[in-house]
């Protein structure tokens, strides 16, 4: 199992995340996305492979680059997590319990009342609805980047170059994976924001959600608004018990 951690100006947290992650995986790949704060210098002496980008190219491209390196090294699964402390590495064993070559495992943030930023919560709800509609299945947390990907999923999915740069990548990969018969399974993780973040989030609720909605709208229009997918995801959401992860099985795929 390899871990891929994209980094953009995370000097205060990245070394701690790498140390904690190393307890659970065989290989750690840090992809620096043009950091200017000396993030990489904090990794001196740690057992980590570092990939450098000449500039800030976006999270999606950083993830894809790291996943490709892990794949070439023989990894069958890759776990991705953020470097800012929102994704506690101690949750990795819960992801590893659910490995399956036909399944993407996605962290589902469980927040206590009042702990999540209101704007972020509303933006995530909008994204969850539209992405689940396009995927044809209810996905509990479409915006969480704490995931396990079977590397074979990338044999089936090809994204446009302009969609590989930002947060749109992590949304589109779920839609395309479901369309190709892959499952999506949620694993509960804590929702950590102000208690761990050492700098403002790189996620821009208005701009990034708008980009995601435009991407989803294009997919829905090309499929005649995909009414069967809407009906199915609404039915699954209605019957979903947030206390119990539900697996989307192949016999329910469109």
Protein backbone atom coordinates (compact mmCIF):
# COMPACT_ATOMS: atom_id res chain seq x y z
CA UNK A 1 0.00 0.00 0.00
CA UNK A 2 1.30 3.43 -0.96
CA UNK A 3 0.20 6.81 0.36
CA UNK A 4 0.17 9.89 -1.86
CA UNK A 5 0.17 13.25 -0.11
CA UNK A 6 -0.07 16.44 -2.20
CA UNK A 7 1.62 19.44 -0.57
CA UNK A 8 1.26 23.14 -1.15
CA UNK A 9 2.71 25.32 1.62
CA UNK A 10 2.20 22.91 4.56
CA UNK A 11 5.41 23.54 6.51
CA UNK A 12 3.67 23.38 9.89
CA UNK A 13 2.01 19.99 9.40
CA UNK A 14 3.52 17.85 6.63
CA UNK A 15 6.36 16.23 8.64
CA UNK A 16 3.95 15.15 11.39
CA UNK A 17 1.51 13.71 8.83
CA UNK A 18 4.31 11.76 7.13
CA UNK A 19 5.56 10.30 10.43
CA UNK A 20 2.08 9.19 11.48
CA UNK A 21 1.24 7.80 8.03
CA UNK A 22 4.43 5.72 7.93
CA UNK A 23 3.05 3.44 10.64
CA UNK A 24 0.44 2.04 8.25
CA UNK A 25 1.82 1.99 4.70
CA UNK A 26 4.86 0.65 2.84
CA UNK A 27 5.59 3.73 0.75
CA UNK A 28 4.89 7.45 1.10
CA UNK A 29 5.00 9.75 -1.91
CA UNK A 30 4.85 13.50 -1.25
CA UNK A 31 4.06 15.57 -4.33
CA UNK A 32 5.10 19.17 -3.85
CA UNK A 33 2.87 21.48 -5.88
CA UNK A 34 5.14 24.50 -5.96
CA UNK A 35 5.45 25.23 -2.24
CA UNK A 36 7.28 28.43 -1.33
CA UNK A 37 7.32 28.11 2.48
CA UNK A 38 10.04 25.48 2.90
CA UNK A 39 7.64 22.57 3.36
CA UNK A 40 10.07 20.05 1.89
CA UNK A 41 12.91 21.03 4.19
CA UNK A 42 10.90 19.73 7.14
CA UNK A 43 11.02 16.23 5.62
CA UNK A 44 14.80 15.85 5.85
CA UNK A 45 15.68 12.46 7.32
CA UNK A 46 12.23 10.94 6.81
CA UNK A 47 11.64 7.85 4.65
CA UNK A 48 9.60 9.52 1.93
CA UNK A 49 9.79 9.88 -1.84
CA UNK A 50 9.44 13.50 -2.94
CA UNK A 51 8.19 14.61 -6.35
CA UNK A 52 8.56 18.28 -7.22
CA UNK A 53 6.45 20.37 -9.59
CA UNK A 54 7.93 23.50 -11.15
CA UNK A 55 4.88 25.51 -10.14
CA UNK A 56 1.41 25.31 -8.62
CA UNK A 57 -0.49 23.04 -11.01
CA UNK A 58 -3.34 22.01 -8.75
CA UNK A 59 -4.28 19.14 -6.51
CA UNK A 60 -5.66 16.87 -9.22
CA UNK A 61 -2.48 16.84 -11.25
CA UNK A 62 -0.38 16.29 -8.12
CA UNK A 63 -2.50 13.29 -7.14
CA UNK A 64 -2.34 11.73 -10.59
CA UNK A 65 1.43 12.13 -10.73
CA UNK A 66 1.88 10.47 -7.34
CA UNK A 67 -0.53 7.66 -8.15
CA UNK A 68 1.32 6.91 -11.38
CA UNK A 69 4.65 6.67 -9.52
CA UNK A 70 3.10 4.35 -6.92
CA UNK A 71 1.63 2.21 -9.65
CA UNK A 72 4.96 1.90 -11.46
CA UNK A 73 6.46 0.74 -8.17
CA UNK A 74 3.94 -2.10 -8.00
CA UNK A 75 1.23 -0.70 -5.72
CA UNK A 76 -2.23 -2.18 -6.28
CA UNK A 77 -3.92 0.38 -4.02
CA UNK A 78 -3.13 3.98 -3.18
CA UNK A 79 -4.43 5.96 -0.24
CA UNK A 80 -4.60 9.73 -0.67
CA UNK A 81 -4.74 12.20 2.19
CA UNK A 82 -4.21 15.90 2.71
CA UNK A 83 -1.13 17.38 4.36
CA UNK A 84 -2.98 19.99 6.43
CA UNK A 85 -4.04 17.69 9.28
CA UNK A 86 -7.71 17.30 8.35
CA UNK A 87 -7.21 13.61 7.55
CA UNK A 88 -5.89 11.80 10.63
CA UNK A 89 -3.59 8.95 9.52
CA UNK A 90 -4.86 6.91 12.46
CA UNK A 91 -7.99 6.23 10.37
CA UNK A 92 -5.99 4.36 7.73
CA UNK A 93 -6.69 0.91 9.26
CA UNK A 94 -10.43 1.51 8.75
CA UNK A 95 -9.79 2.09 5.06
CA UNK A 96 -7.56 -0.97 4.78
CA UNK A 97 -10.33 -3.22 6.11
CA UNK A 98 -12.36 -2.46 2.99
CA UNK A 99 -9.85 -2.98 0.17
CA UNK A 100 -11.38 -4.30 -3.02
CA UNK A 101 -10.09 -3.95 -6.61
CA UNK A 102 -13.57 -2.86 -7.69
CA UNK A 103 -14.13 -0.30 -4.93
CA UNK A 104 -13.10 3.26 -4.10
CA UNK A 105 -13.21 3.84 -0.34
CA UNK A 106 -14.01 7.44 0.58
CA UNK A 107 -13.85 9.14 3.95
CA UNK A 108 -17.23 10.43 5.12
CA UNK A 109 -16.76 13.30 7.53
CA UNK A 110 -18.93 13.08 10.62
CA UNK A 111 -19.23 16.50 12.24
CA UNK A 112 -20.57 17.48 15.60
CA UNK A 113 -23.11 20.30 15.50
CA UNK A 114 -21.45 23.66 14.96
CA UNK A 115 -17.95 22.33 14.20
CA UNK A 116 -18.06 22.67 10.39
CA UNK A 117 -17.86 26.07 8.63
CA UNK A 118 -21.37 26.92 7.40
CA UNK A 119 -20.28 27.94 3.90
CA UNK A 120 -18.23 24.77 3.49
CA UNK A 121 -21.09 22.60 4.74
CA UNK A 122 -23.59 24.15 2.32
CA UNK A 123 -21.16 23.87 -0.59
CA UNK A 124 -20.53 20.20 0.18
CA UNK A 125 -24.26 19.47 0.28
CA UNK A 126 -24.72 21.03 -3.15
CA UNK A 127 -21.81 19.04 -4.53
CA UNK A 128 -23.02 15.80 -2.95
CA UNK A 129 -26.42 16.14 -4.61
CA UNK A 130 -25.24 16.88 -8.13
CA UNK A 131 -22.31 14.46 -8.16
CA UNK A 132 -24.47 11.65 -6.78
CA UNK A 133 -27.08 12.39 -9.46
CA UNK A 134 -24.47 12.16 -12.23
CA UNK A 135 -22.97 9.02 -10.68
CA UNK A 136 -26.37 7.36 -10.31
CA UNK A 137 -25.71 6.48 -6.66
CA UNK A 138 -25.85 8.38 -3.39
CA UNK A 139 -22.30 9.26 -2.27
CA UNK A 140 -22.19 10.45 1.30
CA UNK A 141 -19.19 12.80 1.06
CA UNK A 142 -18.07 13.60 -2.47
CA UNK A 143 -15.61 16.30 -1.43
CA UNK A 144 -13.45 14.34 0.98
CA UNK A 145 -10.02 13.64 -0.48
CA UNK A 146 -9.19 10.95 2.07
CA UNK A 147 -9.58 7.89 -0.17
CA UNK A 148 -8.27 4.53 -1.25
CA UNK A 149 -8.14 4.01 -4.99
CA UNK A 150 -7.50 0.65 -6.64
CA UNK A 151 -4.96 1.67 -9.27
CA UNK A 152 -6.84 -0.34 -11.89
CA UNK A 153 -9.58 2.29 -11.86
CA UNK A 154 -7.24 4.50 -13.87
CA UNK A 155 -7.12 1.90 -16.65
CA UNK A 156 -10.76 2.68 -17.37
CA UNK A 157 -11.02 6.40 -16.79
CA UNK A 158 -9.52 9.15 -18.91
CA UNK A 159 -10.10 12.75 -17.88
CA UNK A 160 -9.60 15.86 -19.99
CA UNK A 161 -6.37 17.70 -19.27
CA UNK A 162 -8.13 20.85 -18.06
CA UNK A 163 -10.02 18.78 -15.49
CA UNK A 164 -6.88 17.37 -13.89
CA UNK A 165 -5.66 20.54 -12.24
CA UNK A 166 -8.04 21.42 -9.40
CA UNK A 167 -10.63 19.99 -7.04
CA UNK A 168 -12.86 18.99 -9.98
CA UNK A 169 -10.68 15.91 -10.48
CA UNK A 170 -11.78 14.29 -7.21
CA UNK A 171 -15.43 14.83 -8.11
CA UNK A 172 -15.25 13.63 -11.69
CA UNK A 173 -13.33 10.47 -10.80
CA UNK A 174 -16.26 9.32 -8.63
CA UNK A 175 -18.78 9.88 -11.42
CA UNK A 176 -16.69 8.07 -14.01
CA UNK A 177 -15.85 5.22 -11.65
CA UNK A 178 -19.53 4.55 -10.97
CA UNK A 179 -20.27 4.68 -14.69
CA UNK A 180 -17.62 2.01 -15.24
CA UNK A 181 -19.09 -0.31 -12.62
CA UNK A 182 -16.87 0.50 -9.66
CA UNK A 183 -18.33 0.73 -6.17
CA UNK A 184 -18.00 3.61 -3.74
CA UNK A 185 -17.93 2.87 -0.03
CA UNK A 186 -17.89 5.47 2.76
CA UNK A 187 -15.79 5.11 5.90
CA UNK A 188 -16.64 7.48 8.77
CA UNK A 189 -13.87 9.91 9.74
CA UNK A 190 -13.93 12.93 12.07
CA UNK A 191 -14.58 16.37 10.56
CA UNK A 192 -11.58 18.46 11.60
CA UNK A 193 -11.37 22.12 10.65
CA UNK A 194 -10.39 24.97 12.97
CA UNK A 195 -8.96 22.58 15.56
CA UNK A 196 -6.18 21.41 13.23
CA UNK A 197 -5.79 23.83 10.31
CA UNK A 198 -2.71 26.04 10.52
CA UNK A 199 -3.63 28.15 7.46
CA UNK A 200 -6.74 29.03 5.38
CA UNK A 201 -8.13 26.16 3.32
CA UNK A 202 -7.09 26.00 -0.33
CA UNK A 203 -10.69 25.02 -1.14
CA UNK A 204 -12.75 27.99 -2.39
CA UNK A 205 -16.41 27.11 -1.72
CA UNK A 206 -17.96 29.40 -4.36
CA UNK A 207 -15.39 29.08 -7.14
CA UNK A 208 -14.60 25.39 -6.76
CA UNK A 209 -18.21 24.27 -6.30
CA UNK A 210 -19.19 26.34 -9.36
CA UNK A 211 -16.53 24.53 -11.39
CA UNK A 212 -17.79 21.18 -10.13
CA UNK A 213 -21.43 22.01 -10.92
CA UNK A 214 -20.46 23.07 -14.47
CA UNK A 215 -18.61 19.78 -14.97
CA UNK A 216 -21.58 17.79 -13.64
CA UNK A 217 -24.08 19.76 -15.73
CA UNK A 218 -22.19 18.86 -18.88
CA UNK A 219 -22.32 15.18 -17.99
CA UNK A 220 -26.03 15.30 -17.19
CA UNK A 221 -26.91 17.15 -20.39
CA UNK A 222 -25.06 14.61 -22.53
CA UNK A 223 -27.12 11.83 -20.88
CA UNK A 224 -30.49 13.53 -21.21
CA UNK A 225 -30.38 14.66 -17.57
CA UNK A 226 -30.04 11.04 -16.45
CA UNK A 227 -33.40 10.76 -14.69
CA UNK A 228 -32.85 7.10 -13.65
CA UNK A 229 -29.67 8.21 -11.88
CA UNK A 230 -31.54 10.99 -10.07
CA UNK A 231 -34.27 8.63 -8.92
CA UNK A 232 -31.77 6.06 -7.72
CA UNK A 233 -29.56 8.45 -5.76
CA UNK A 234 -32.61 10.04 -4.09
CA UNK A 235 -33.89 6.60 -3.12
CA UNK A 236 -30.52 5.60 -1.72
CA UNK A 237 -30.23 8.86 0.20
CA UNK A 238 -33.67 8.40 1.73
CA UNK A 239 -32.80 4.92 2.97
CA UNK A 240 -29.25 5.74 3.96
CA UNK A 241 -28.41 5.37 7.64
CA UNK A 242 -25.47 7.76 8.29
CA UNK A 243 -24.35 5.52 11.14
CA UNK A 244 -23.75 2.57 8.81
CA UNK A 245 -21.62 2.62 5.64
CA UNK A 246 -23.49 1.27 2.63
CA UNK A 247 -21.83 -0.40 -0.32
CA UNK A 248 -23.02 0.21 -3.86
CA UNK A 249 -22.95 -3.27 -5.34
CA UNK A 250 -22.48 -4.21 -9.00
CA UNK A 251 -26.02 -5.54 -9.36
CA UNK A 252 -27.35 -2.03 -8.72
CA UNK A 253 -25.03 -0.32 -11.20
CA UNK A 254 -26.58 1.31 -14.25
